[in-house]
Amino acid sequence: SILKHILKHQSDTDTTSCQVESYGDESERRLIVTYGDMAWLKYHDGDFVKYPTGSSGSLLPEVYREQAWTYLKLSKSYYLKAVDSFRKALEIQTDDTEWNAGYAIALFRTEEVTTNLGVVLSKETEEPPSIKQLHFALELNPDDAVLQSMLAVKLGAYKKYEEAECLLKKALKTDPDNPHVSRYVGKYVRNHSIDMLERALKRTTQSSFIHHQLALCYKRKKIAEQSHKPFSSQSIHKHTACLKVQHCCIREFEMAVKIKPTFHLAWADLALAEEIFQQCLLKLPECDESLSQAIHQWSCQAWKRIHALNLMFKARTTTQCLSV
């Protein structure tokens, strides 16, 4: 509608002069897209004259670029078309910084959608096309913070944490206020918080704070897994996966209070986690004998550890009272 308004109040000469003023040496290439849009509007308004054409159907790279960005902005269902359009543009002009960045973004988003739908693009050991393209786009523009943070997310999925976290630091230093950077940094931390905390525990094993934070991460993971579908409609394996995560959550809360018995918040979290664990057991449908035994064993072990920790806490509290 904006372009239609411009057409009514602006001549072709005005349009050309505006393009030259805005884009300088690139104005001629940009005009191809602008006049293409104008022609499309005139066609639909009935304001056109038919001419024979000998077009082969191939487009100039600027048109492919415009197509690609449009597809990328429309919806997820057009992401594959965006990938194809960027690829065609780059076949003609391989080293364009903007188009290589766009191609990387399109690949990244396409892989995200297919992963969420459960489609496997390649073997787990193989890197997806987006990683190679993001590396190439960053060679052309090393200071693009958005591309740096996107590549970090992808590398994290393949456990290349050192390179990923180095990129995140660069991205936050280059453009800390960019909302896209914040989004991808947050996604990386959310996806790999458990891995990051477990690596931290290897360096500091007796940190009650880190054990407590790790337990909270397991708690959030369990909530996220249960939020996809109502609990009653999930399979036995889904129930079991949630129970395993809850068991890990309880284990980390236990470690936190074992290291620091006066950690009252961790005690409260532990009591709640144990209560939820028992509720999950009651909701678990009938399953084979070996699975039932495993679950029962988890439950017994958890109760034994809780009882031992309670006794230790009471003994220490009694000792402190007597000393006073």
C-alpha atoms as a PDB file:
ATOM      1  CA  SER A   1       0.000   0.000   0.000  1.00  0.00           C
ATOM      2  CA  ILE A   2       2.923   2.367   0.698  1.00  0.00           C
ATOM      3  CA  LEU A   3       4.448   1.687  -2.717  1.00  0.00           C
ATOM      4  CA  LYS A   4       1.048   2.166  -4.344  1.00  0.00           C
ATOM      5  CA  HIS A   5       0.734   5.580  -2.680  1.00  0.00           C
ATOM      6  CA  ILE A   6       4.223   6.505  -3.935  1.00  0.00           C
ATOM      7  CA  LEU A   7       3.272   5.507  -7.494  1.00  0.00           C
ATOM      8  CA  LYS A   8       0.348   7.925  -7.455  1.00  0.00           C
ATOM      9  CA  HIS A   9       2.431  10.866  -6.289  1.00  0.00           C
ATOM     10  CA  GLN A  10       5.880  10.243  -7.704  1.00  0.00           C
ATOM     11  CA  SER A  11       7.195  10.064 -11.240  1.00  0.00           C
ATOM     12  CA  ASP A  12       9.714   7.522 -12.530  1.00  0.00           C
ATOM     13  CA  THR A  13      12.359  10.261 -12.480  1.00  0.00           C
ATOM     14  CA  ASP A  14      11.670  10.962  -8.805  1.00  0.00           C
ATOM     15  CA  THR A  15      11.956   7.240  -8.017  1.00  0.00           C
ATOM     16  CA  THR A  16      15.280   6.970  -9.831  1.00  0.00           C
ATOM     17  CA  SER A  17      16.746  10.062  -8.129  1.00  0.00           C
ATOM     18  CA  CYS A  18      15.698   8.745  -4.703  1.00  0.00           C
ATOM     19  CA  GLN A  19      17.390   5.406  -5.395  1.00  0.00           C
ATOM     20  CA  VAL A  20      20.601   7.097  -6.558  1.00  0.00           C
ATOM     21  CA  GLU A  21      20.625   9.291  -3.459  1.00  0.00           C
ATOM     22  CA  SER A  22      20.038   6.321  -1.131  1.00  0.00           C
ATOM     23  CA  TYR A  23      22.272   3.647  -2.670  1.00  0.00           C
ATOM     24  CA  GLY A  24      24.867   5.505  -4.725  1.00  0.00           C
ATOM     25  CA  ASP A  25      26.832   3.121  -6.978  1.00  0.00           C
ATOM     26  CA  GLU A  26      24.419   0.268  -6.226  1.00  0.00           C
ATOM     27  CA  SER A  27      21.365   2.255  -7.323  1.00  0.00           C
ATOM     28  CA  GLU A  28      21.097   0.597 -10.757  1.00  0.00           C
ATOM     29  CA  ARG A  29      20.962  -2.882  -9.240  1.00  0.00           C
ATOM     30  CA  ARG A  30      18.435  -1.771  -6.617  1.00  0.00           C
ATOM     31  CA  LEU A  31      16.206  -0.141  -9.247  1.00  0.00           C
ATOM     32  CA  ILE A  32      15.578  -3.573 -10.776  1.00  0.00           C
ATOM     33  CA  VAL A  33      13.707  -4.652  -7.650  1.00  0.00           C
ATOM     34  CA  THR A  34      11.880  -1.331  -7.253  1.00  0.00           C
ATOM     35  CA  TYR A  35      10.640  -1.295 -10.837  1.00  0.00           C
ATOM     36  CA  GLY A  36       9.703  -4.944 -10.522  1.00  0.00           C
ATOM     37  CA  ASP A  37       7.472  -4.074  -7.556  1.00  0.00           C
ATOM     38  CA  MET A  38       6.005  -1.145  -9.463  1.00  0.00           C
ATOM     39  CA  ALA A  39       5.295  -3.345 -12.477  1.00  0.00           C
ATOM     40  CA  TRP A  40       3.547  -5.895 -10.242  1.00  0.00           C
ATOM     41  CA  LEU A  41       1.267  -3.194  -8.809  1.00  0.00           C
ATOM     42  CA  LYS A  42       0.477  -1.729 -12.233  1.00  0.00           C
ATOM     43  CA  TYR A  43      -0.353  -5.215 -13.513  1.00  0.00           C
ATOM     44  CA  HIS A  44      -2.845  -5.839 -10.713  1.00  0.00           C
ATOM     45  CA  ASP A  45      -4.365  -2.367 -11.206  1.00  0.00           C
ATOM     46  CA  GLY A  46      -4.878  -3.168 -14.888  1.00  0.00           C
ATOM     47  CA  ASP A  47      -2.568  -0.324 -15.849  1.00  0.00           C
ATOM     48  CA  PHE A  48      -0.310  -2.137 -18.315  1.00  0.00           C
ATOM     49  CA  VAL A  49       0.354  -2.852 -21.964  1.00  0.00           C
ATOM     50  CA  LYS A  50       1.139  -6.400 -23.074  1.00  0.00           C
ATOM     51  CA  TYR A  51       4.469  -6.876 -24.820  1.00  0.00           C
ATOM     52  CA  PRO A  52       5.979 -10.069 -26.173  1.00  0.00           C
ATOM     53  CA  THR A  53       8.890 -11.293 -24.068  1.00  0.00           C
ATOM     54  CA  GLY A  54      11.772 -13.622 -24.738  1.00  0.00           C
ATOM     55  CA  SER A  55      12.690 -14.064 -21.059  1.00  0.00           C
ATOM     56  CA  SER A  56      14.400 -17.346 -20.205  1.00  0.00           C
ATOM     57  CA  GLY A  57      12.955 -17.339 -16.677  1.00  0.00           C
ATOM     58  CA  SER A  58      16.275 -16.672 -14.950  1.00  0.00           C
ATOM     59  CA  LEU A  59      16.435 -13.642 -12.682  1.00  0.00           C
ATOM     60  CA  LEU A  60      19.142 -11.198 -11.700  1.00  0.00           C
ATOM     61  CA  PRO A  61      20.780 -11.790  -8.283  1.00  0.00           C
ATOM     62  CA  GLU A  62      19.153  -8.672  -6.804  1.00  0.00           C
ATOM     63  CA  VAL A  63      15.731 -10.136  -7.576  1.00  0.00           C
ATOM     64  CA  TYR A  64      16.651 -13.479  -6.013  1.00  0.00           C
ATOM     65  CA  ARG A  65      17.873 -11.587  -2.965  1.00  0.00           C
ATOM     66  CA  GLU A  66      14.606  -9.684  -2.639  1.00  0.00           C
ATOM     67  CA  GLN A  67      12.677 -12.936  -3.022  1.00  0.00           C
ATOM     68  CA  ALA A  68      14.776 -14.607  -0.347  1.00  0.00           C
ATOM     69  CA  TRP A  69      14.335 -11.899   2.299  1.00  0.00           C
ATOM     70  CA  THR A  70      10.612 -11.764   1.566  1.00  0.00           C
ATOM     71  CA  TYR A  71      10.235 -15.537   1.981  1.00  0.00           C
ATOM     72  CA  LEU A  72      12.271 -15.417   5.184  1.00  0.00           C
ATOM     73  CA  LYS A  73      10.007 -12.745   6.679  1.00  0.00           C
ATOM     74  CA  LEU A  74       6.716 -14.393   5.665  1.00  0.00           C
ATOM     75  CA  SER A  75       6.532 -17.606   7.716  1.00  0.00           C
ATOM     76  CA  LYS A  76       8.274 -20.867   8.546  1.00  0.00           C
ATOM     77  CA  SER A  77       6.628 -22.627   5.614  1.00  0.00           C
ATOM     78  CA  TYR A  78       8.640 -20.421   3.200  1.00  0.00           C
ATOM     79  CA  TYR A  79      12.082 -20.962   4.749  1.00  0.00           C
ATOM     80  CA  LEU A  80      13.101 -23.595   2.183  1.00  0.00           C
ATOM     81  CA  LYS A  81      12.184 -21.201  -0.636  1.00  0.00           C
ATOM     82  CA  ALA A  82      14.306 -18.519   1.045  1.00  0.00           C
ATOM     83  CA  VAL A  83      17.255 -20.929   1.158  1.00  0.00           C
ATOM     84  CA  ASP A  84      16.813 -21.700  -2.542  1.00  0.00           C
ATOM     85  CA  SER A  85      16.584 -18.020  -3.527  1.00  0.00           C
ATOM     86  CA  PHE A  86      19.704 -17.052  -1.571  1.00  0.00           C
ATOM     87  CA  ARG A  87      21.552 -19.997  -3.102  1.00  0.00           C
ATOM     88  CA  LYS A  88      20.627 -18.883  -6.639  1.00  0.00           C
ATOM     89  CA  ALA A  89      21.755 -15.318  -5.922  1.00  0.00           C
ATOM     90  CA  LEU A  90      25.103 -16.557  -4.561  1.00  0.00           C
ATOM     91  CA  GLU A  91      25.664 -18.772  -7.591  1.00  0.00           C
ATOM     92  CA  ILE A  92      25.878 -15.538  -9.582  1.00  0.00           C
ATOM     93  CA  GLN A  93      27.655 -13.374  -7.008  1.00  0.00           C
ATOM     94  CA  THR A  94      29.428 -15.589  -4.473  1.00  0.00           C
ATOM     95  CA  ASP A  95      31.133 -13.082  -2.155  1.00  0.00           C
ATOM     96  CA  ASP A  96      28.281 -10.716  -1.349  1.00  0.00           C
ATOM     97  CA  THR A  97      28.351 -10.108   2.426  1.00  0.00           C
ATOM     98  CA  GLU A  98      24.627  -9.488   2.879  1.00  0.00           C
ATOM     99  CA  TRP A  99      23.503 -12.477   0.810  1.00  0.00           C
ATOM    100  CA  ASN A 100      25.901 -14.858   2.526  1.00  0.00           C
ATOM    101  CA  ALA A 101      24.589 -13.695   5.897  1.00  0.00           C
ATOM    102  CA  GLY A 102      21.026 -14.136   4.688  1.00  0.00           C
ATOM    103  CA  TYR A 103      21.784 -17.609   3.366  1.00  0.00           C
ATOM    104  CA  ALA A 104      23.288 -18.583   6.747  1.00  0.00           C
ATOM    105  CA  ILE A 105      20.238 -17.246   8.613  1.00  0.00           C
ATOM    106  CA  ALA A 106      17.856 -19.083   6.280  1.00  0.00           C
ATOM    107  CA  LEU A 107      19.725 -22.378   6.755  1.00  0.00           C
ATOM    108  CA  PHE A 108      19.808 -21.863  10.535  1.00  0.00           C
ATOM    109  CA  ARG A 109      16.056 -21.261  10.740  1.00  0.00           C
ATOM    110  CA  THR A 110      15.219 -24.127   8.387  1.00  0.00           C
ATOM    111  CA  GLU A 111      17.237 -26.567  10.500  1.00  0.00           C
ATOM    112  CA  GLU A 112      15.560 -25.261  13.663  1.00  0.00           C
ATOM    113  CA  VAL A 113      12.102 -25.917  12.232  1.00  0.00           C
ATOM    114  CA  THR A 114      12.938 -29.409  10.951  1.00  0.00           C
ATOM    115  CA  THR A 115      14.587 -30.313  14.287  1.00  0.00           C
ATOM    116  CA  ASN A 116      11.487 -29.196  16.200  1.00  0.00           C
ATOM    117  CA  LEU A 117       9.364 -31.355  13.914  1.00  0.00           C
ATOM    118  CA  GLY A 118      11.598 -34.345  14.637  1.00  0.00           C
ATOM    119  CA  VAL A 119      13.152 -34.515  11.171  1.00  0.00           C
ATOM    120  CA  VAL A 120      16.804 -35.636  11.138  1.00  0.00           C
ATOM    121  CA  LEU A 121      18.771 -33.766   8.471  1.00  0.00           C
ATOM    122  CA  SER A 122      21.989 -35.714   8.893  1.00  0.00           C
ATOM    123  CA  LYS A 123      23.853 -38.072  11.167  1.00  0.00           C
ATOM    124  CA  GLU A 124      24.567 -36.767  14.658  1.00  0.00           C
ATOM    125  CA  THR A 125      28.292 -36.711  13.971  1.00  0.00           C
ATOM    126  CA  GLU A 126      27.915 -34.608  10.820  1.00  0.00           C
ATOM    127  CA  GLU A 127      27.749 -30.849  11.017  1.00  0.00           C
ATOM    128  CA  PRO A 128      24.710 -29.258   9.332  1.00  0.00           C
ATOM    129  CA  PRO A 129      25.154 -26.916   6.318  1.00  0.00           C
ATOM    130  CA  SER A 130      24.419 -23.863   8.464  1.00  0.00           C
ATOM    131  CA  ILE A 131      27.678 -24.218  10.436  1.00  0.00           C
ATOM    132  CA  LYS A 132      29.813 -24.107   7.284  1.00  0.00           C
ATOM    133  CA  GLN A 133      27.821 -21.188   5.900  1.00  0.00           C
ATOM    134  CA  LEU A 134      27.958 -19.241   9.181  1.00  0.00           C
ATOM    135  CA  HIS A 135      31.749 -19.684   9.250  1.00  0.00           C
ATOM    136  CA  PHE A 136      31.986 -18.392   5.671  1.00  0.00           C
ATOM    137  CA  ALA A 137      29.681 -15.437   6.341  1.00  0.00           C
ATOM    138  CA  LEU A 138      31.825 -14.490   9.354  1.00  0.00           C
ATOM    139  CA  GLU A 139      34.967 -14.622   7.214  1.00  0.00           C
ATOM    140  CA  LEU A 140      33.373 -11.928   5.049  1.00  0.00           C
ATOM    141  CA  ASN A 141      32.097  -9.943   8.027  1.00  0.00           C
ATOM    142  CA  PRO A 142      33.974 -10.956  11.222  1.00  0.00           C
ATOM    143  CA  ASP A 143      32.206  -8.389  13.432  1.00  0.00           C
ATOM    144  CA  ASP A 144      28.625  -9.523  12.830  1.00  0.00           C
ATOM    145  CA  ALA A 145      27.485 -10.209  16.409  1.00  0.00           C
ATOM    146  CA  VAL A 146      24.214 -11.863  15.357  1.00  0.00           C
ATOM    147  CA  LEU A 147      26.025 -14.407  13.172  1.00  0.00           C
ATOM    148  CA  GLN A 148      28.531 -15.026  15.986  1.00  0.00           C
ATOM    149  CA  SER A 149      25.754 -15.805  18.476  1.00  0.00           C
ATOM    150  CA  MET A 150      23.898 -18.020  15.972  1.00  0.00           C
ATOM    151  CA  LEU A 151      27.044 -20.013  15.239  1.00  0.00           C
ATOM    152  CA  ALA A 152      27.602 -20.416  18.995  1.00  0.00           C
ATOM    153  CA  VAL A 153      24.146 -21.989  19.360  1.00  0.00           C
ATOM    154  CA  LYS A 154      24.904 -24.442  16.554  1.00  0.00           C
ATOM    155  CA  LEU A 155      28.355 -25.348  17.868  1.00  0.00           C
ATOM    156  CA  GLY A 156      26.919 -25.913  21.335  1.00  0.00           C
ATOM    157  CA  ALA A 157      24.595 -28.578  19.911  1.00  0.00           C
ATOM    158  CA  TYR A 158      27.722 -30.470  18.786  1.00  0.00           C
ATOM    159  CA  LYS A 159      29.457 -30.011  22.178  1.00  0.00           C
ATOM    160  CA  LYS A 160      32.060 -27.590  20.815  1.00  0.00           C
ATOM    161  CA  TYR A 161      31.707 -25.502  23.937  1.00  0.00           C
ATOM    162  CA  GLU A 162      35.060 -23.727  23.902  1.00  0.00           C
ATOM    163  CA  GLU A 163      34.597 -22.236  20.438  1.00  0.00           C
ATOM    164  CA  ALA A 164      30.922 -21.511  21.105  1.00  0.00           C
ATOM    165  CA  GLU A 165      31.542 -19.625  24.345  1.00  0.00           C
ATOM    166  CA  CYS A 166      34.381 -17.654  22.749  1.00  0.00           C
ATOM    167  CA  LEU A 167      31.955 -16.509  20.038  1.00  0.00           C
ATOM    168  CA  LEU A 168      29.351 -15.550  22.638  1.00  0.00           C
ATOM    169  CA  LYS A 169      31.894 -13.356  24.435  1.00  0.00           C
ATOM    170  CA  LYS A 170      32.786 -11.643  21.151  1.00  0.00           C
ATOM    171  CA  ALA A 171      29.111 -11.112  20.277  1.00  0.00           C
ATOM    172  CA  LEU A 172      28.308  -9.587  23.670  1.00  0.00           C
ATOM    173  CA  LYS A 173      31.363  -7.338  23.423  1.00  0.00           C
ATOM    174  CA  THR A 174      30.604  -6.231  19.850  1.00  0.00           C
ATOM    175  CA  ASP A 175      26.865  -5.550  20.152  1.00  0.00           C
ATOM    176  CA  PRO A 176      25.535  -6.191  23.691  1.00  0.00           C
ATOM    177  CA  ASP A 177      22.288  -4.258  23.166  1.00  0.00           C
ATOM    178  CA  ASN A 178      21.217  -6.113  20.018  1.00  0.00           C
ATOM    179  CA  PRO A 179      17.977  -8.007  20.850  1.00  0.00           C
ATOM    180  CA  HIS A 180      18.854 -10.821  18.417  1.00  0.00           C
ATOM    181  CA  VAL A 181      22.198 -11.336  20.140  1.00  0.00           C
ATOM    182  CA  SER A 182      20.469 -11.439  23.530  1.00  0.00           C
ATOM    183  CA  ARG A 183      17.992 -13.967  22.191  1.00  0.00           C
ATOM    184  CA  TYR A 184      20.624 -16.394  20.919  1.00  0.00           C
ATOM    185  CA  VAL A 185      22.857 -15.986  23.968  1.00  0.00           C
ATOM    186  CA  GLY A 186      19.848 -16.767  26.143  1.00  0.00           C
ATOM    187  CA  LYS A 187      19.016 -19.779  24.002  1.00  0.00           C
ATOM    188  CA  TYR A 188      22.570 -21.114  24.307  1.00  0.00           C
ATOM    189  CA  VAL A 189      22.572 -20.763  28.091  1.00  0.00           C
ATOM    190  CA  ARG A 190      19.099 -22.318  28.326  1.00  0.00           C
ATOM    191  CA  ASN A 191      20.045 -25.285  26.137  1.00  0.00           C
ATOM    192  CA  HIS A 192      23.430 -25.955  27.741  1.00  0.00           C
ATOM    193  CA  SER A 193      23.031 -24.783  31.319  1.00  0.00           C
ATOM    194  CA  ILE A 194      23.241 -28.361  32.623  1.00  0.00           C
ATOM    195  CA  ASP A 195      26.422 -29.057  30.634  1.00  0.00           C
ATOM    196  CA  MET A 196      27.986 -25.776  31.766  1.00  0.00           C
ATOM    197  CA  LEU A 197      27.237 -26.423  35.441  1.00  0.00           C
ATOM    198  CA  GLU A 198      28.434 -30.027  35.261  1.00  0.00           C
ATOM    199  CA  ARG A 199      31.726 -28.817  33.794  1.00  0.00           C
ATOM    200  CA  ALA A 200      31.942 -26.245  36.591  1.00  0.00           C
ATOM    201  CA  LEU A 201      31.462 -29.012  39.173  1.00  0.00           C
ATOM    202  CA  LYS A 202      34.462 -30.866  37.779  1.00  0.00           C
ATOM    203  CA  ARG A 203      36.562 -27.871  38.816  1.00  0.00           C
ATOM    204  CA  THR A 204      34.696 -27.146  42.074  1.00  0.00           C
ATOM    205  CA  THR A 205      33.153 -30.362  43.378  1.00  0.00           C
ATOM    206  CA  GLN A 206      32.230 -29.051  46.848  1.00  0.00           C
ATOM    207  CA  SER A 207      30.101 -26.095  45.784  1.00  0.00           C
ATOM    208  CA  SER A 208      26.609 -26.322  47.307  1.00  0.00           C
ATOM    209  CA  PHE A 209      25.542 -23.317  45.201  1.00  0.00           C
ATOM    210  CA  ILE A 210      26.430 -25.004  41.878  1.00  0.00           C
ATOM    211  CA  HIS A 211      24.722 -28.253  42.930  1.00  0.00           C
ATOM    212  CA  HIS A 212      21.617 -26.259  43.830  1.00  0.00           C
ATOM    213  CA  GLN A 213      21.643 -24.382  40.510  1.00  0.00           C
ATOM    214  CA  LEU A 214      22.095 -27.665  38.621  1.00  0.00           C
ATOM    215  CA  ALA A 215      19.110 -29.135  40.459  1.00  0.00           C
ATOM    216  CA  LEU A 216      17.013 -26.114  39.441  1.00  0.00           C
ATOM    217  CA  CYS A 217      18.069 -26.670  35.803  1.00  0.00           C
ATOM    218  CA  TYR A 218      16.897 -30.281  35.995  1.00  0.00           C
ATOM    219  CA  LYS A 219      13.659 -29.044  37.522  1.00  0.00           C
ATOM    220  CA  ARG A 220      13.084 -26.642  34.604  1.00  0.00           C
ATOM    221  CA  LYS A 221      13.950 -29.417  32.139  1.00  0.00           C
ATOM    222  CA  LYS A 222      11.318 -31.701  33.641  1.00  0.00           C
ATOM    223  CA  ILE A 223       8.684 -28.952  33.536  1.00  0.00           C
ATOM    224  CA  ALA A 224       9.552 -28.268  29.872  1.00  0.00           C
ATOM    225  CA  GLU A 225       9.257 -31.952  28.958  1.00  0.00           C
ATOM    226  CA  GLN A 226       5.882 -32.263  30.664  1.00  0.00           C
ATOM    227  CA  SER A 227       4.512 -29.082  29.098  1.00  0.00           C
ATOM    228  CA  HIS A 228       4.490 -30.503  25.554  1.00  0.00           C
ATOM    229  CA  LYS A 229       1.504 -32.807  26.202  1.00  0.00           C
ATOM    230  CA  PRO A 230      -0.806 -33.601  29.130  1.00  0.00           C
ATOM    231  CA  PHE A 231       0.934 -36.044  31.452  1.00  0.00           C
ATOM    232  CA  SER A 232      -1.794 -38.694  31.129  1.00  0.00           C
ATOM    233  CA  SER A 233      -1.432 -38.926  27.354  1.00  0.00           C
ATOM    234  CA  GLN A 234       2.325 -39.488  27.337  1.00  0.00           C
ATOM    235  CA  SER A 235       3.940 -42.851  26.707  1.00  0.00           C
ATOM    236  CA  ILE A 236       5.615 -44.976  29.365  1.00  0.00           C
ATOM    237  CA  HIS A 237       9.009 -43.936  28.014  1.00  0.00           C
ATOM    238  CA  LYS A 238       8.055 -40.280  28.370  1.00  0.00           C
ATOM    239  CA  HIS A 239       6.999 -40.903  31.975  1.00  0.00           C
ATOM    240  CA  THR A 240      10.270 -42.686  32.626  1.00  0.00           C
ATOM    241  CA  ALA A 241      12.315 -39.852  31.098  1.00  0.00           C
ATOM    242  CA  CYS A 242      10.582 -37.341  33.379  1.00  0.00           C
ATOM    243  CA  LEU A 243      11.246 -39.552  36.387  1.00  0.00           C
ATOM    244  CA  LYS A 244      14.935 -39.816  35.494  1.00  0.00           C
ATOM    245  CA  VAL A 245      15.208 -36.041  35.254  1.00  0.00           C
ATOM    246  CA  GLN A 246      13.385 -35.666  38.572  1.00  0.00           C
ATOM    247  CA  HIS A 247      15.737 -38.223  40.108  1.00  0.00           C
ATOM    248  CA  CYS A 248      18.737 -36.166  38.933  1.00  0.00           C
ATOM    249  CA  CYS A 249      17.070 -33.074  40.388  1.00  0.00           C
ATOM    250  CA  ILE A 250      16.683 -34.756  43.796  1.00  0.00           C
ATOM    251  CA  ARG A 251      20.278 -36.024  43.687  1.00  0.00           C
ATOM    252  CA  GLU A 252      21.655 -32.503  43.156  1.00  0.00           C
ATOM    253  CA  PHE A 253      19.471 -30.979  45.884  1.00  0.00           C
ATOM    254  CA  GLU A 254      20.739 -33.710  48.224  1.00  0.00           C
ATOM    255  CA  MET A 255      24.348 -32.886  47.370  1.00  0.00           C
ATOM    256  CA  ALA A 256      23.689 -29.201  48.055  1.00  0.00           C
ATOM    257  CA  VAL A 257      22.329 -29.830  51.562  1.00  0.00           C
ATOM    258  CA  LYS A 258      24.967 -32.479  52.284  1.00  0.00           C
ATOM    259  CA  ILE A 259      27.760 -29.982  51.566  1.00  0.00           C
ATOM    260  CA  LYS A 260      25.949 -27.167  53.381  1.00  0.00           C
ATOM    261  CA  PRO A 261      23.373 -28.484  55.892  1.00  0.00           C
ATOM    262  CA  THR A 262      22.239 -24.929  56.744  1.00  0.00           C
ATOM    263  CA  PHE A 263      21.175 -24.309  53.124  1.00  0.00           C
ATOM    264  CA  HIS A 264      17.477 -23.905  54.039  1.00  0.00           C
ATOM    265  CA  LEU A 265      16.266 -23.022  50.555  1.00  0.00           C
ATOM    266  CA  ALA A 266      17.831 -26.212  49.169  1.00  0.00           C
ATOM    267  CA  TRP A 267      16.093 -28.227  51.930  1.00  0.00           C
ATOM    268  CA  ALA A 268      12.736 -26.745  50.912  1.00  0.00           C
ATOM    269  CA  ASP A 269      13.400 -27.461  47.246  1.00  0.00           C
ATOM    270  CA  LEU A 270      14.438 -31.027  48.116  1.00  0.00           C
ATOM    271  CA  ALA A 271      11.225 -31.679  50.040  1.00  0.00           C
ATOM    272  CA  LEU A 272       9.121 -30.377  47.144  1.00  0.00           C
ATOM    273  CA  ALA A 273      11.093 -32.349  44.557  1.00  0.00           C
ATOM    274  CA  GLU A 274      10.650 -35.555  46.544  1.00  0.00           C
ATOM    275  CA  GLU A 275       6.906 -34.928  46.838  1.00  0.00           C
ATOM    276  CA  ILE A 276       6.634 -34.394  43.073  1.00  0.00           C
ATOM    277  CA  PHE A 277       8.660 -37.558  42.464  1.00  0.00           C
ATOM    278  CA  GLN A 278       6.169 -39.601  44.476  1.00  0.00           C
ATOM    279  CA  GLN A 279       3.260 -38.015  42.581  1.00  0.00           C
ATOM    280  CA  CYS A 280       4.919 -38.975  39.285  1.00  0.00           C
ATOM    281  CA  LEU A 281       5.206 -42.564  40.492  1.00  0.00           C
ATOM    282  CA  LEU A 282       1.475 -42.678  41.217  1.00  0.00           C
ATOM    283  CA  LYS A 283       0.675 -41.338  37.733  1.00  0.00           C
ATOM    284  CA  LEU A 284       2.944 -43.832  35.987  1.00  0.00           C
ATOM    285  CA  PRO A 285       0.814 -46.344  33.999  1.00  0.00           C
ATOM    286  CA  GLU A 286       1.354 -50.072  34.119  1.00  0.00           C
ATOM    287  CA  CYS A 287       4.708 -51.063  32.667  1.00  0.00           C
ATOM    288  CA  ASP A 288       6.938 -54.099  32.353  1.00  0.00           C
ATOM    289  CA  GLU A 289       8.454 -55.688  35.466  1.00  0.00           C
ATOM    290  CA  SER A 290      12.073 -54.607  34.852  1.00  0.00           C
ATOM    291  CA  LEU A 291      11.043 -50.960  34.464  1.00  0.00           C
ATOM    292  CA  SER A 292       8.909 -51.135  37.615  1.00  0.00           C
ATOM    293  CA  GLN A 293      11.840 -52.552  39.576  1.00  0.00           C
ATOM    294  CA  ALA A 294      14.163 -49.806  38.349  1.00  0.00           C
ATOM    295  CA  ILE A 295      11.694 -47.093  39.327  1.00  0.00           C
ATOM    296  CA  HIS A 296      11.099 -48.702  42.725  1.00  0.00           C
ATOM    297  CA  GLN A 297      14.867 -48.815  43.254  1.00  0.00           C
ATOM    298  CA  TRP A 298      15.187 -45.104  42.480  1.00  0.00           C
ATOM    299  CA  SER A 299      12.424 -44.348  44.970  1.00  0.00           C
ATOM    300  CA  CYS A 300      13.968 -46.478  47.750  1.00  0.00           C
ATOM    301  CA  GLN A 301      17.401 -44.967  47.208  1.00  0.00           C
ATOM    302  CA  ALA A 302      15.974 -41.443  47.323  1.00  0.00           C
ATOM    303  CA  TRP A 303      14.083 -42.121  50.575  1.00  0.00           C
ATOM    304  CA  LYS A 304      17.168 -43.670  52.212  1.00  0.00           C
ATOM    305  CA  ARG A 305      19.272 -40.648  51.279  1.00  0.00           C
ATOM    306  CA  ILE A 306      16.590 -38.244  52.532  1.00  0.00           C
ATOM    307  CA  HIS A 307      16.373 -40.109  55.856  1.00  0.00           C
ATOM    308  CA  ALA A 308      20.179 -40.096  56.286  1.00  0.00           C
ATOM    309  CA  LEU A 309      20.381 -36.378  55.492  1.00  0.00           C
ATOM    310  CA  ASN A 310      17.588 -35.593  57.953  1.00  0.00           C
ATOM    311  CA  LEU A 311      19.387 -37.491  60.699  1.00  0.00           C
ATOM    312  CA  MET A 312      22.621 -35.645  59.892  1.00  0.00           C
ATOM    313  CA  PHE A 313      20.859 -32.274  59.923  1.00  0.00           C
ATOM    314  CA  LYS A 314      19.120 -33.009  63.255  1.00  0.00           C
ATOM    315  CA  ALA A 315      22.372 -34.201  64.817  1.00  0.00           C
ATOM    316  CA  ARG A 316      24.216 -31.072  63.726  1.00  0.00           C
ATOM    317  CA  THR A 317      21.383 -28.824  64.924  1.00  0.00           C
ATOM    318  CA  THR A 318      21.359 -30.564  68.319  1.00  0.00           C
ATOM    319  CA  THR A 319      25.137 -30.142  68.640  1.00  0.00           C
ATOM    320  CA  GLN A 320      24.871 -26.429  67.839  1.00  0.00           C
ATOM    321  CA  CYS A 321      22.111 -25.968  70.454  1.00  0.00           C
ATOM    322  CA  LEU A 322      24.115 -27.760  73.148  1.00  0.00           C
ATOM    323  CA  SER A 323      27.192 -25.678  72.414  1.00  0.00           C
ATOM    324  CA  VAL A 324      25.152 -22.512  72.956  1.00  0.00           C
END
